[in-house]
Amino acid sequence: MPSPSGQDIAQLAAVGLQCRRGGRTLVRDVSFKAGRGQLVELRGSNGSGKTTLIRVLAGLAAPSGGTLYWQGAPLARGDAAYARHMAYLGHQNALGAELSATENLRFFQHLQGGPACEPAQALQAWGLAHVAHHAVRRLSQGQRRRLALARVWSRQCGLWLLDEPCAALDDEGARLLDARLAEHLQRGGAAVVATHRPLGVPASALRTVDLDAQAGAAAC
């Protein structure tokens, strides 16, 4: 896959990406584009490298090979402009247990800077208005996951990197996730999502990368 250029520039593109963990190559020769209005769905069994790949995309780990591009230019780890346009959610919700839902959102908005919507708006969008002043330690696991997703949503970033965002969500939480993802794509945002659950976004916006299939092809 050639580097992005001209009219083919994607917000985020991976070309021949390789990722290692613990001395073992988990992701080998993976290429994809996440353009405006597109969602790349990372599929694969446990241990296939989904989390490792998302961490590499978020700048938390370095790839062992290949190149990442952001808006057509090679992306260096720690790029401040990229960080401003990217929101990441891993397996951990990273919430302050003694802070309220509202206080958590205000804290992260202050920490991360940049444009953000009001906490009340974010909580309403994720069905959490009724727990706005509850300490996180009093929330269910599903409510905590929604709050972590509300933090991503509130930053108004163009690129979302989500690692198993459906974890602990009930049916209503999953429905809200699908709705917020669809809205994000409709506004021209992009996303890369590692998931075991099919996502309810338009098929025209969806690109699937099967890491198990990639590993099988590399072994042939």
N, C-alpha and C. Protein backbone atom coordinates (compact mmCIF):
# COMPACT_ATOMS: atom_id res chain seq x y z
N MET A 1 0.85 -1.20 0.00
CA MET A 1 0.00 0.00 0.00
C MET A 1 0.89 1.24 0.00
N PRO A 2 0.78 2.13 -0.96
CA PRO A 2 1.62 3.32 -1.01
C PRO A 2 1.25 4.31 0.06
N SER A 3 2.15 5.25 0.32
CA SER A 3 1.83 6.29 1.28
C SER A 3 0.70 7.16 0.74
N PRO A 4 -0.16 7.72 1.63
CA PRO A 4 -1.27 8.54 1.19
C PRO A 4 -0.77 9.80 0.50
N SER A 5 -1.46 10.21 -0.54
CA SER A 5 -1.08 11.44 -1.23
C SER A 5 -2.27 12.00 -1.99
N GLY A 6 -2.18 13.29 -2.31
CA GLY A 6 -3.20 13.95 -3.13
C GLY A 6 -4.59 13.78 -2.56
N GLN A 7 -5.53 13.41 -3.45
CA GLN A 7 -6.93 13.28 -3.04
C GLN A 7 -7.14 12.07 -2.15
N ASP A 8 -6.12 11.20 -2.01
CA ASP A 8 -6.27 9.97 -1.26
C ASP A 8 -5.84 10.12 0.20
N ILE A 9 -5.52 11.33 0.63
CA ILE A 9 -5.05 11.54 2.00
C ILE A 9 -6.12 11.13 2.99
N ALA A 10 -5.75 10.27 3.93
CA ALA A 10 -6.63 9.86 5.01
C ALA A 10 -6.20 10.58 6.29
N GLN A 11 -7.13 10.70 7.23
CA GLN A 11 -6.73 11.27 8.51
C GLN A 11 -5.61 10.44 9.13
N LEU A 12 -5.83 9.12 9.21
CA LEU A 12 -4.83 8.22 9.77
C LEU A 12 -4.66 7.05 8.83
N ALA A 13 -3.42 6.68 8.56
CA ALA A 13 -3.14 5.53 7.71
C ALA A 13 -1.97 4.75 8.28
N ALA A 14 -2.07 3.44 8.22
CA ALA A 14 -0.98 2.54 8.60
C ALA A 14 -0.51 1.81 7.35
N VAL A 15 0.79 1.75 7.17
CA VAL A 15 1.36 1.08 5.99
C VAL A 15 2.40 0.07 6.47
N GLY A 16 2.10 -1.22 6.26
CA GLY A 16 3.04 -2.28 6.61
C GLY A 16 3.40 -2.31 8.08
N LEU A 17 2.43 -2.01 8.95
CA LEU A 17 2.72 -1.85 10.37
C LEU A 17 3.01 -3.21 11.03
N GLN A 18 4.01 -3.22 11.90
CA GLN A 18 4.33 -4.39 12.71
C GLN A 18 4.42 -3.96 14.17
N CYS A 19 3.91 -4.81 15.06
CA CYS A 19 3.90 -4.50 16.48
C CYS A 19 4.38 -5.73 17.26
N ARG A 20 5.24 -5.50 18.24
CA ARG A 20 5.76 -6.57 19.08
C ARG A 20 5.38 -6.33 20.53
N ARG A 21 5.25 -7.43 21.26
CA ARG A 21 5.03 -7.34 22.71
C ARG A 21 5.69 -8.55 23.35
N GLY A 22 6.49 -8.29 24.37
CA GLY A 22 7.16 -9.38 25.05
C GLY A 22 8.08 -10.19 24.15
N GLY A 23 8.69 -9.52 23.19
CA GLY A 23 9.62 -10.21 22.30
C GLY A 23 8.95 -11.00 21.19
N ARG A 24 7.61 -10.90 21.08
CA ARG A 24 6.89 -11.67 20.06
C ARG A 24 6.16 -10.72 19.13
N THR A 25 6.23 -10.97 17.84
CA THR A 25 5.50 -10.16 16.86
C THR A 25 4.04 -10.57 16.86
N LEU A 26 3.16 -9.63 17.21
CA LEU A 26 1.72 -9.90 17.26
C LEU A 26 1.03 -9.40 16.00
N VAL A 27 1.44 -8.27 15.51
CA VAL A 27 0.83 -7.66 14.33
C VAL A 27 1.90 -7.56 13.26
N ARG A 28 1.59 -8.09 12.07
CA ARG A 28 2.59 -8.15 11.01
C ARG A 28 2.00 -7.64 9.70
N ASP A 29 2.66 -6.63 9.13
CA ASP A 29 2.33 -6.12 7.80
C ASP A 29 0.85 -5.74 7.67
N VAL A 30 0.37 -4.93 8.62
CA VAL A 30 -1.02 -4.48 8.59
C VAL A 30 -1.09 -3.08 7.98
N SER A 31 -2.00 -2.91 7.02
CA SER A 31 -2.21 -1.61 6.37
C SER A 31 -3.69 -1.29 6.36
N PHE A 32 -4.03 -0.04 6.64
CA PHE A 32 -5.42 0.41 6.58
C PHE A 32 -5.45 1.93 6.55
N LYS A 33 -6.60 2.47 6.20
CA LYS A 33 -6.84 3.91 6.24
C LYS A 33 -8.09 4.19 7.05
N ALA A 34 -8.04 5.23 7.85
CA ALA A 34 -9.22 5.73 8.55
C ALA A 34 -9.41 7.17 8.11
N GLY A 35 -10.17 7.34 7.03
CA GLY A 35 -10.43 8.67 6.49
C GLY A 35 -11.60 9.33 7.18
N ARG A 36 -11.92 10.52 6.76
CA ARG A 36 -13.04 11.25 7.37
C ARG A 36 -14.33 10.48 7.13
N GLY A 37 -15.07 10.29 8.21
CA GLY A 37 -16.32 9.57 8.11
C GLY A 37 -16.17 8.06 8.06
N GLN A 38 -14.98 7.55 8.39
CA GLN A 38 -14.73 6.11 8.33
C GLN A 38 -14.36 5.55 9.69
N LEU A 39 -14.79 4.32 9.92
CA LEU A 39 -14.45 3.60 11.13
C LEU A 39 -13.74 2.30 10.75
N VAL A 40 -12.55 2.11 11.28
CA VAL A 40 -11.81 0.86 11.08
C VAL A 40 -12.06 -0.02 12.29
N GLU A 41 -12.63 -1.17 12.04
CA GLU A 41 -12.97 -2.12 13.09
C GLU A 41 -11.88 -3.19 13.15
N LEU A 42 -11.19 -3.27 14.29
CA LEU A 42 -10.15 -4.28 14.48
C LEU A 42 -10.77 -5.52 15.10
N ARG A 43 -10.70 -6.63 14.38
CA ARG A 43 -11.22 -7.89 14.86
C ARG A 43 -10.08 -8.87 15.07
N GLY A 44 -10.31 -9.88 15.92
CA GLY A 44 -9.30 -10.91 16.15
C GLY A 44 -9.50 -11.56 17.50
N SER A 45 -8.98 -12.74 17.65
CA SER A 45 -9.10 -13.47 18.90
C SER A 45 -8.24 -12.81 19.97
N ASN A 46 -8.45 -13.21 21.23
CA ASN A 46 -7.60 -12.71 22.32
C ASN A 46 -6.15 -13.07 22.02
N GLY A 47 -5.27 -12.09 22.19
CA GLY A 47 -3.86 -12.31 21.91
C GLY A 47 -3.45 -12.04 20.49
N SER A 48 -4.40 -11.59 19.66
CA SER A 48 -4.08 -11.33 18.25
C SER A 48 -3.38 -9.99 18.05
N GLY A 49 -3.37 -9.14 19.08
CA GLY A 49 -2.64 -7.87 18.98
C GLY A 49 -3.51 -6.64 18.87
N LYS A 50 -4.81 -6.77 19.11
CA LYS A 50 -5.70 -5.60 18.98
C LYS A 50 -5.30 -4.49 19.94
N THR A 51 -5.10 -4.84 21.21
CA THR A 51 -4.74 -3.83 22.20
C THR A 51 -3.38 -3.23 21.91
N THR A 52 -2.43 -4.07 21.53
CA THR A 52 -1.08 -3.58 21.19
C THR A 52 -1.15 -2.59 20.03
N LEU A 53 -1.94 -2.92 19.01
CA LEU A 53 -2.06 -2.04 17.86
C LEU A 53 -2.71 -0.71 18.24
N ILE A 54 -3.77 -0.74 19.02
CA ILE A 54 -4.41 0.51 19.46
C ILE A 54 -3.43 1.37 20.26
N ARG A 55 -2.64 0.75 21.12
CA ARG A 55 -1.65 1.50 21.91
C ARG A 55 -0.59 2.14 21.01
N VAL A 56 -0.20 1.44 19.96
CA VAL A 56 0.74 2.01 19.00
C VAL A 56 0.12 3.22 18.29
N LEU A 57 -1.14 3.07 17.88
CA LEU A 57 -1.82 4.19 17.21
C LEU A 57 -1.95 5.39 18.14
N ALA A 58 -2.10 5.13 19.44
CA ALA A 58 -2.25 6.22 20.42
C ALA A 58 -0.91 6.82 20.84
N GLY A 59 0.20 6.27 20.35
CA GLY A 59 1.51 6.79 20.71
C GLY A 59 2.03 6.29 22.03
N LEU A 60 1.40 5.26 22.60
CA LEU A 60 1.83 4.71 23.89
C LEU A 60 2.88 3.63 23.74
N ALA A 61 3.08 3.17 22.53
CA ALA A 61 4.12 2.19 22.22
C ALA A 61 4.58 2.46 20.79
N ALA A 62 5.79 2.05 20.50
CA ALA A 62 6.35 2.28 19.16
C ALA A 62 6.16 1.04 18.30
N PRO A 63 5.86 1.20 17.03
CA PRO A 63 5.79 0.04 16.13
C PRO A 63 7.19 -0.53 15.90
N SER A 64 7.27 -1.81 15.61
CA SER A 64 8.56 -2.42 15.32
C SER A 64 8.88 -2.36 13.83
N GLY A 65 7.90 -1.93 13.03
CA GLY A 65 8.11 -1.80 11.60
C GLY A 65 6.93 -1.09 10.96
N GLY A 66 7.12 -0.61 9.74
CA GLY A 66 6.05 0.10 9.05
C GLY A 66 5.99 1.56 9.41
N THR A 67 4.99 2.25 8.86
CA THR A 67 4.88 3.70 9.05
C THR A 67 3.44 4.08 9.30
N LEU A 68 3.26 5.03 10.21
CA LEU A 68 1.96 5.66 10.42
C LEU A 68 1.97 7.03 9.76
N TYR A 69 0.83 7.39 9.16
CA TYR A 69 0.67 8.71 8.54
C TYR A 69 -0.51 9.41 9.18
N TRP A 70 -0.34 10.71 9.40
CA TRP A 70 -1.43 11.55 9.89
C TRP A 70 -1.62 12.69 8.90
N GLN A 71 -2.78 12.74 8.29
CA GLN A 71 -3.10 13.74 7.27
C GLN A 71 -2.03 13.79 6.19
N GLY A 72 -1.56 12.60 5.79
CA GLY A 72 -0.66 12.47 4.66
C GLY A 72 0.81 12.56 4.97
N ALA A 73 1.16 12.91 6.21
CA ALA A 73 2.58 13.04 6.57
C ALA A 73 2.98 11.96 7.56
N PRO A 74 4.21 11.46 7.50
CA PRO A 74 4.65 10.45 8.47
C PRO A 74 4.47 10.97 9.89
N LEU A 75 4.02 10.10 10.75
CA LEU A 75 3.69 10.47 12.12
C LEU A 75 4.80 10.02 13.07
N ALA A 76 5.36 10.97 13.79
CA ALA A 76 6.38 10.66 14.79
C ALA A 76 5.71 10.45 16.14
N ARG A 77 6.22 9.51 16.91
CA ARG A 77 5.69 9.27 18.25
C ARG A 77 5.85 10.52 19.10
N GLY A 78 4.79 10.89 19.82
CA GLY A 78 4.83 12.07 20.66
C GLY A 78 4.47 13.35 19.93
N ASP A 79 3.98 13.26 18.70
CA ASP A 79 3.59 14.44 17.93
C ASP A 79 2.47 15.19 18.65
N ALA A 80 2.72 16.43 19.04
CA ALA A 80 1.77 17.18 19.84
C ALA A 80 0.50 17.52 19.07
N ALA A 81 0.63 17.83 17.79
CA ALA A 81 -0.55 18.17 16.98
C ALA A 81 -1.47 16.96 16.85
N TYR A 82 -0.88 15.79 16.66
CA TYR A 82 -1.67 14.56 16.58
C TYR A 82 -2.40 14.31 17.89
N ALA A 83 -1.69 14.48 19.00
CA ALA A 83 -2.30 14.25 20.31
C ALA A 83 -3.51 15.14 20.55
N ARG A 84 -3.46 16.36 20.02
CA ARG A 84 -4.58 17.29 20.20
C ARG A 84 -5.82 16.83 19.42
N HIS A 85 -5.61 16.10 18.35
CA HIS A 85 -6.72 15.68 17.50
C HIS A 85 -7.18 14.25 17.77
N MET A 86 -6.59 13.60 18.76
CA MET A 86 -6.85 12.19 19.02
C MET A 86 -7.35 11.98 20.44
N ALA A 87 -8.35 11.12 20.59
CA ALA A 87 -8.84 10.73 21.92
C ALA A 87 -8.76 9.22 22.04
N TYR A 88 -8.19 8.74 23.14
CA TYR A 88 -7.93 7.32 23.33
C TYR A 88 -8.65 6.81 24.57
N LEU A 89 -9.21 5.60 24.44
CA LEU A 89 -9.78 4.90 25.59
C LEU A 89 -9.31 3.46 25.55
N GLY A 90 -8.61 3.05 26.60
CA GLY A 90 -8.13 1.68 26.70
C GLY A 90 -9.05 0.82 27.54
N HIS A 91 -8.51 -0.29 28.03
CA HIS A 91 -9.32 -1.19 28.86
C HIS A 91 -9.71 -0.54 30.18
N GLN A 92 -8.80 0.27 30.72
CA GLN A 92 -9.06 0.93 32.00
C GLN A 92 -9.83 2.23 31.76
N ASN A 93 -10.78 2.51 32.65
CA ASN A 93 -11.58 3.73 32.49
C ASN A 93 -10.83 4.98 32.94
N ALA A 94 -9.83 4.82 33.82
CA ALA A 94 -8.99 5.94 34.27
C ALA A 94 -9.83 7.08 34.84
N LEU A 95 -10.66 6.74 35.82
CA LEU A 95 -11.52 7.72 36.47
C LEU A 95 -11.14 7.86 37.94
N GLY A 96 -11.34 9.05 38.49
CA GLY A 96 -11.11 9.27 39.91
C GLY A 96 -12.28 8.76 40.72
N ALA A 97 -12.06 7.77 41.56
CA ALA A 97 -13.16 7.10 42.27
C ALA A 97 -13.91 8.03 43.22
N GLU A 98 -13.21 8.98 43.82
CA GLU A 98 -13.84 9.87 44.81
C GLU A 98 -14.43 11.12 44.18
N LEU A 99 -14.12 11.37 42.93
CA LEU A 99 -14.69 12.52 42.23
C LEU A 99 -16.04 12.15 41.65
N SER A 100 -16.91 13.13 41.51
CA SER A 100 -18.20 12.89 40.87
C SER A 100 -18.01 12.74 39.36
N ALA A 101 -19.08 12.31 38.70
CA ALA A 101 -19.03 12.20 37.23
C ALA A 101 -18.68 13.55 36.61
N THR A 102 -19.33 14.61 37.08
CA THR A 102 -19.07 15.95 36.56
C THR A 102 -17.64 16.39 36.84
N GLU A 103 -17.16 16.14 38.05
CA GLU A 103 -15.80 16.54 38.42
C GLU A 103 -14.76 15.80 37.59
N ASN A 104 -15.02 14.53 37.29
CA ASN A 104 -14.09 13.79 36.44
C ASN A 104 -13.98 14.44 35.07
N LEU A 105 -15.11 14.81 34.48
CA LEU A 105 -15.06 15.42 33.15
C LEU A 105 -14.35 16.78 33.20
N ARG A 106 -14.64 17.57 34.22
CA ARG A 106 -13.98 18.88 34.32
C ARG A 106 -12.47 18.71 34.52
N PHE A 107 -12.07 17.73 35.32
CA PHE A 107 -10.65 17.50 35.57
C PHE A 107 -9.92 17.15 34.27
N PHE A 108 -10.47 16.24 33.50
CA PHE A 108 -9.80 15.83 32.27
C PHE A 108 -9.83 16.93 31.22
N GLN A 109 -10.88 17.73 31.21
CA GLN A 109 -10.91 18.85 30.28
C GLN A 109 -9.80 19.84 30.61
N HIS A 110 -9.59 20.09 31.91
CA HIS A 110 -8.52 20.99 32.34
C HIS A 110 -7.15 20.39 32.02
N LEU A 111 -7.01 19.08 32.23
CA LEU A 111 -5.74 18.41 32.01
C LEU A 111 -5.36 18.38 30.54
N GLN A 112 -6.33 18.09 29.69
CA GLN A 112 -6.05 17.89 28.27
C GLN A 112 -6.11 19.16 27.46
N GLY A 113 -6.86 20.15 27.92
CA GLY A 113 -6.96 21.40 27.20
C GLY A 113 -7.72 21.24 25.89
N GLY A 114 -7.78 22.31 25.13
CA GLY A 114 -8.49 22.27 23.85
C GLY A 114 -9.99 22.41 24.02
N PRO A 115 -10.71 22.45 22.92
CA PRO A 115 -12.17 22.62 22.98
C PRO A 115 -12.84 21.41 23.61
N ALA A 116 -13.91 21.64 24.32
CA ALA A 116 -14.67 20.55 24.93
C ALA A 116 -16.07 21.05 25.23
N CYS A 117 -17.01 20.14 25.18
CA CYS A 117 -18.38 20.52 25.51
C CYS A 117 -18.56 20.51 27.03
N GLU A 118 -19.64 21.10 27.48
CA GLU A 118 -19.93 21.15 28.92
C GLU A 118 -20.19 19.75 29.46
N PRO A 119 -19.73 19.46 30.70
CA PRO A 119 -19.99 18.15 31.28
C PRO A 119 -21.46 17.75 31.27
N ALA A 120 -22.35 18.70 31.53
CA ALA A 120 -23.78 18.38 31.56
C ALA A 120 -24.25 17.86 30.20
N GLN A 121 -23.73 18.44 29.13
CA GLN A 121 -24.10 17.99 27.79
C GLN A 121 -23.56 16.59 27.52
N ALA A 122 -22.33 16.33 27.94
CA ALA A 122 -21.73 15.01 27.73
C ALA A 122 -22.47 13.94 28.52
N LEU A 123 -22.81 14.26 29.75
CA LEU A 123 -23.53 13.29 30.58
C LEU A 123 -24.90 13.00 30.02
N GLN A 124 -25.57 14.01 29.52
CA GLN A 124 -26.88 13.82 28.91
C GLN A 124 -26.77 12.92 27.68
N ALA A 125 -25.74 13.13 26.88
CA ALA A 125 -25.56 12.35 25.65
C ALA A 125 -25.32 10.88 25.93
N TRP A 126 -24.81 10.57 27.10
CA TRP A 126 -24.50 9.18 27.45
C TRP A 126 -25.43 8.61 28.52
N GLY A 127 -26.56 9.28 28.74
CA GLY A 127 -27.56 8.76 29.66
C GLY A 127 -27.11 8.76 31.11
N LEU A 128 -26.31 9.75 31.50
CA LEU A 128 -25.75 9.79 32.85
C LEU A 128 -26.14 11.04 33.62
N ALA A 129 -27.09 11.81 33.11
CA ALA A 129 -27.46 13.06 33.77
C ALA A 129 -27.90 12.83 35.21
N HIS A 130 -28.53 11.69 35.47
CA HIS A 130 -29.06 11.42 36.80
C HIS A 130 -27.98 11.06 37.83
N VAL A 131 -26.75 10.81 37.36
CA VAL A 131 -25.66 10.50 38.29
C VAL A 131 -24.56 11.57 38.21
N ALA A 132 -24.90 12.75 37.74
CA ALA A 132 -23.91 13.80 37.52
C ALA A 132 -23.10 14.12 38.76
N HIS A 133 -23.74 14.04 39.92
CA HIS A 133 -23.06 14.43 41.17
C HIS A 133 -22.75 13.23 42.06
N HIS A 134 -22.86 12.04 41.51
CA HIS A 134 -22.51 10.83 42.25
C HIS A 134 -21.01 10.57 42.12
N ALA A 135 -20.40 10.15 43.22
CA ALA A 135 -19.00 9.74 43.15
C ALA A 135 -18.87 8.50 42.27
N VAL A 136 -17.78 8.42 41.53
CA VAL A 136 -17.59 7.30 40.61
C VAL A 136 -17.63 5.96 41.34
N ARG A 137 -17.16 5.92 42.58
CA ARG A 137 -17.17 4.64 43.31
C ARG A 137 -18.57 4.12 43.53
N ARG A 138 -19.58 4.98 43.40
CA ARG A 138 -20.97 4.56 43.57
C ARG A 138 -21.60 4.10 42.25
N LEU A 139 -20.92 4.28 41.15
CA LEU A 139 -21.48 3.93 39.85
C LEU A 139 -21.24 2.46 39.53
N SER A 140 -22.12 1.90 38.72
CA SER A 140 -21.93 0.53 38.23
C SER A 140 -20.79 0.51 37.23
N GLN A 141 -20.31 -0.69 36.89
CA GLN A 141 -19.24 -0.81 35.91
C GLN A 141 -19.69 -0.27 34.55
N GLY A 142 -20.94 -0.53 34.19
CA GLY A 142 -21.45 -0.01 32.93
C GLY A 142 -21.51 1.51 32.91
N GLN A 143 -21.92 2.12 34.04
CA GLN A 143 -21.97 3.57 34.12
C GLN A 143 -20.57 4.17 34.06
N ARG A 144 -19.61 3.50 34.66
CA ARG A 144 -18.23 3.99 34.60
C ARG A 144 -17.70 3.95 33.17
N ARG A 145 -18.05 2.88 32.45
CA ARG A 145 -17.60 2.81 31.06
C ARG A 145 -18.26 3.90 30.23
N ARG A 146 -19.53 4.16 30.46
CA ARG A 146 -20.20 5.26 29.75
C ARG A 146 -19.53 6.59 30.06
N LEU A 147 -19.14 6.79 31.32
CA LEU A 147 -18.49 8.05 31.70
C LEU A 147 -17.14 8.19 31.00
N ALA A 148 -16.40 7.09 30.91
CA ALA A 148 -15.13 7.14 30.19
C ALA A 148 -15.35 7.48 28.72
N LEU A 149 -16.40 6.93 28.13
CA LEU A 149 -16.73 7.25 26.74
C LEU A 149 -17.20 8.70 26.61
N ALA A 150 -17.92 9.19 27.61
CA ALA A 150 -18.34 10.59 27.61
C ALA A 150 -17.14 11.52 27.62
N ARG A 151 -16.08 11.10 28.30
CA ARG A 151 -14.85 11.90 28.31
C ARG A 151 -14.27 11.99 26.90
N VAL A 152 -14.23 10.87 26.19
CA VAL A 152 -13.75 10.87 24.80
C VAL A 152 -14.63 11.78 23.95
N TRP A 153 -15.93 11.59 24.06
CA TRP A 153 -16.91 12.34 23.26
C TRP A 153 -16.80 13.83 23.51
N SER A 154 -16.59 14.22 24.76
CA SER A 154 -16.61 15.64 25.12
C SER A 154 -15.41 16.41 24.57
N ARG A 155 -14.33 15.71 24.22
CA ARG A 155 -13.14 16.41 23.74
C ARG A 155 -13.29 16.95 22.32
N GLN A 156 -14.26 16.47 21.57
CA GLN A 156 -14.52 16.95 20.21
C GLN A 156 -13.30 16.76 19.31
N CYS A 157 -12.64 15.61 19.44
CA CYS A 157 -11.48 15.30 18.61
C CYS A 157 -11.92 14.64 17.31
N GLY A 158 -11.10 14.77 16.29
CA GLY A 158 -11.43 14.20 15.00
C GLY A 158 -11.22 12.70 14.92
N LEU A 159 -10.33 12.15 15.77
CA LEU A 159 -9.99 10.73 15.71
C LEU A 159 -10.21 10.09 17.08
N TRP A 160 -11.00 9.02 17.09
CA TRP A 160 -11.20 8.23 18.30
C TRP A 160 -10.49 6.90 18.16
N LEU A 161 -9.75 6.51 19.20
CA LEU A 161 -9.09 5.21 19.28
C LEU A 161 -9.66 4.49 20.50
N LEU A 162 -10.45 3.47 20.27
CA LEU A 162 -11.21 2.81 21.35
C LEU A 162 -10.87 1.33 21.41
N ASP A 163 -10.48 0.88 22.60
CA ASP A 163 -10.14 -0.52 22.81
C ASP A 163 -11.26 -1.20 23.60
N GLU A 164 -12.03 -2.04 22.93
CA GLU A 164 -13.17 -2.75 23.52
C GLU A 164 -14.09 -1.79 24.29
N PRO A 165 -14.62 -0.78 23.61
CA PRO A 165 -15.47 0.21 24.30
C PRO A 165 -16.76 -0.40 24.83
N CYS A 166 -17.18 -1.55 24.31
CA CYS A 166 -18.44 -2.18 24.73
C CYS A 166 -18.31 -2.92 26.06
N ALA A 167 -17.08 -3.06 26.57
CA ALA A 167 -16.88 -3.81 27.80
C ALA A 167 -17.74 -3.24 28.93
N ALA A 168 -18.53 -4.10 29.57
CA ALA A 168 -19.40 -3.77 30.71
C ALA A 168 -20.66 -3.01 30.33
N LEU A 169 -20.84 -2.67 29.05
CA LEU A 169 -22.04 -1.93 28.66
C LEU A 169 -23.23 -2.87 28.56
N ASP A 170 -24.39 -2.41 29.04
CA ASP A 170 -25.63 -3.14 28.82
C ASP A 170 -26.17 -2.77 27.44
N ASP A 171 -27.36 -3.30 27.12
CA ASP A 171 -27.91 -3.06 25.79
C ASP A 171 -28.11 -1.58 25.52
N GLU A 172 -28.57 -0.83 26.53
CA GLU A 172 -28.79 0.60 26.35
C GLU A 172 -27.46 1.33 26.15
N GLY A 173 -26.44 0.93 26.91
CA GLY A 173 -25.13 1.55 26.74
C GLY A 173 -24.56 1.27 25.37
N ALA A 174 -24.74 0.04 24.87
CA ALA A 174 -24.26 -0.31 23.53
C ALA A 174 -25.01 0.49 22.47
N ARG A 175 -26.31 0.70 22.68
CA ARG A 175 -27.09 1.50 21.73
C ARG A 175 -26.58 2.95 21.70
N LEU A 176 -26.27 3.50 22.86
CA LEU A 176 -25.75 4.85 22.92
C LEU A 176 -24.38 4.94 22.24
N LEU A 177 -23.55 3.94 22.44
CA LEU A 177 -22.24 3.92 21.78
C LEU A 177 -22.41 3.94 20.27
N ASP A 178 -23.29 3.09 19.75
CA ASP A 178 -23.51 3.06 18.30
C ASP A 178 -24.00 4.42 17.79
N ALA A 179 -24.91 5.04 18.54
CA ALA A 179 -25.47 6.33 18.11
C ALA A 179 -24.39 7.42 18.11
N ARG A 180 -23.56 7.46 19.16
CA ARG A 180 -22.52 8.48 19.23
C ARG A 180 -21.44 8.24 18.18
N LEU A 181 -21.12 6.98 17.91
CA LEU A 181 -20.15 6.69 16.84
C LEU A 181 -20.69 7.14 15.49
N ALA A 182 -21.95 6.83 15.21
CA ALA A 182 -22.55 7.22 13.93
C ALA A 182 -22.54 8.73 13.78
N GLU A 183 -22.86 9.47 14.84
CA GLU A 183 -22.85 10.94 14.79
C GLU A 183 -21.43 11.45 14.52
N HIS A 184 -20.46 10.85 15.19
CA HIS A 184 -19.07 11.25 15.01
C HIS A 184 -18.64 11.09 13.56
N LEU A 185 -19.00 9.99 12.94
CA LEU A 185 -18.65 9.75 11.55
C LEU A 185 -19.39 10.71 10.62
N GLN A 186 -20.65 10.97 10.92
CA GLN A 186 -21.44 11.89 10.09
C GLN A 186 -20.84 13.29 10.10
N ARG A 187 -20.20 13.67 11.19
CA ARG A 187 -19.58 14.99 11.28
C ARG A 187 -18.19 15.02 10.63
N GLY A 188 -17.77 13.90 10.05
CA GLY A 188 -16.48 13.84 9.39
C GLY A 188 -15.36 13.33 10.26
N GLY A 189 -15.69 12.81 11.44
CA GLY A 189 -14.67 12.22 12.29
C GLY A 189 -14.27 10.84 11.80
N ALA A 190 -13.21 10.30 12.40
CA ALA A 190 -12.74 8.96 12.08
C ALA A 190 -12.53 8.20 13.38
N ALA A 191 -12.51 6.87 13.28
CA ALA A 191 -12.32 6.06 14.47
C ALA A 191 -11.64 4.75 14.12
N VAL A 192 -10.86 4.24 15.06
CA VAL A 192 -10.33 2.88 15.00
C VAL A 192 -10.77 2.21 16.29
N VAL A 193 -11.50 1.11 16.17
CA VAL A 193 -12.13 0.47 17.33
C VAL A 193 -11.80 -1.01 17.35
N ALA A 194 -11.20 -1.47 18.44
CA ALA A 194 -11.00 -2.90 18.66
C ALA A 194 -12.24 -3.43 19.36
N THR A 195 -12.87 -4.44 18.77
CA THR A 195 -14.14 -4.90 19.33
C THR A 195 -14.42 -6.35 18.98
N HIS A 196 -15.13 -7.02 19.90
CA HIS A 196 -15.66 -8.35 19.62
C HIS A 196 -17.12 -8.27 19.17
N ARG A 197 -17.74 -7.11 19.40
CA ARG A 197 -19.16 -6.94 19.12
C ARG A 197 -19.34 -6.15 17.83
N PRO A 198 -20.21 -6.60 16.93
CA PRO A 198 -20.49 -5.80 15.74
C PRO A 198 -21.00 -4.42 16.12
N LEU A 199 -20.53 -3.42 15.43
CA LEU A 199 -20.89 -2.04 15.74
C LEU A 199 -22.02 -1.58 14.82
N GLY A 200 -22.96 -0.85 15.38
CA GLY A 200 -24.12 -0.41 14.61
C GLY A 200 -23.88 0.90 13.90
N VAL A 201 -22.95 0.91 12.97
CA VAL A 201 -22.69 2.10 12.16
C VAL A 201 -22.96 1.73 10.70
N PRO A 202 -23.20 2.71 9.83
CA PRO A 202 -23.49 2.40 8.43
C PRO A 202 -22.39 1.56 7.80
N ALA A 203 -22.79 0.55 7.04
CA ALA A 203 -21.83 -0.35 6.40
C ALA A 203 -20.89 0.42 5.46
N SER A 204 -21.39 1.49 4.86
CA SER A 204 -20.57 2.27 3.93
C SER A 204 -19.40 2.95 4.63
N ALA A 205 -19.51 3.15 5.95
CA ALA A 205 -18.46 3.82 6.71
C ALA A 205 -17.48 2.85 7.35
N LEU A 206 -17.78 1.56 7.28
CA LEU A 206 -17.06 0.56 8.05
C LEU A 206 -15.97 -0.13 7.22
N ARG A 207 -14.79 -0.24 7.81
CA ARG A 207 -13.70 -1.02 7.25
C ARG A 207 -13.27 -2.01 8.33
N THR A 208 -13.11 -3.28 7.99
CA THR A 208 -12.74 -4.29 8.97
C THR A 208 -11.33 -4.80 8.70
N VAL A 209 -10.52 -4.85 9.75
CA VAL A 209 -9.19 -5.44 9.69
C VAL A 209 -9.20 -6.65 10.61
N ASP A 210 -9.05 -7.84 10.04
CA ASP A 210 -9.06 -9.09 10.79
C ASP A 210 -7.62 -9.49 11.08
N LEU A 211 -7.19 -9.32 12.33
CA LEU A 211 -5.80 -9.60 12.67
C LEU A 211 -5.50 -11.10 12.63
N ASP A 212 -6.49 -11.93 12.89
CA ASP A 212 -6.26 -13.37 12.76
C ASP A 212 -5.96 -13.73 11.31
N ALA A 213 -6.74 -13.15 10.39
CA ALA A 213 -6.52 -13.42 8.97
C ALA A 213 -5.16 -12.89 8.52
N GLN A 214 -4.78 -11.71 9.04
CA GLN A 214 -3.48 -11.13 8.68
C GLN A 214 -2.36 -12.04 9.15
N ALA A 215 -2.49 -12.59 10.37
CA ALA A 215 -1.46 -13.48 10.91
C ALA A 215 -1.37 -14.75 10.09
N GLY A 216 -2.54 -15.29 9.68
CA GLY A 216 -2.55 -16.50 8.86
C GLY A 216 -1.90 -16.29 7.52
N ALA A 217 -2.16 -15.12 6.91
CA ALA A 217 -1.57 -14.82 5.61
C ALA A 217 -0.05 -14.68 5.72
N ALA A 218 0.39 -14.08 6.83
CA ALA A 218 1.83 -13.87 7.01
C ALA A 218 2.55 -15.20 7.22
N ALA A 219 1.83 -16.18 7.79
CA ALA A 219 2.46 -17.48 8.08
C ALA A 219 2.57 -18.34 6.84
N CYS A 220 1.81 -18.00 5.77
CA CYS A 220 1.81 -18.83 4.56
C CYS A 220 3.10 -18.66 3.75
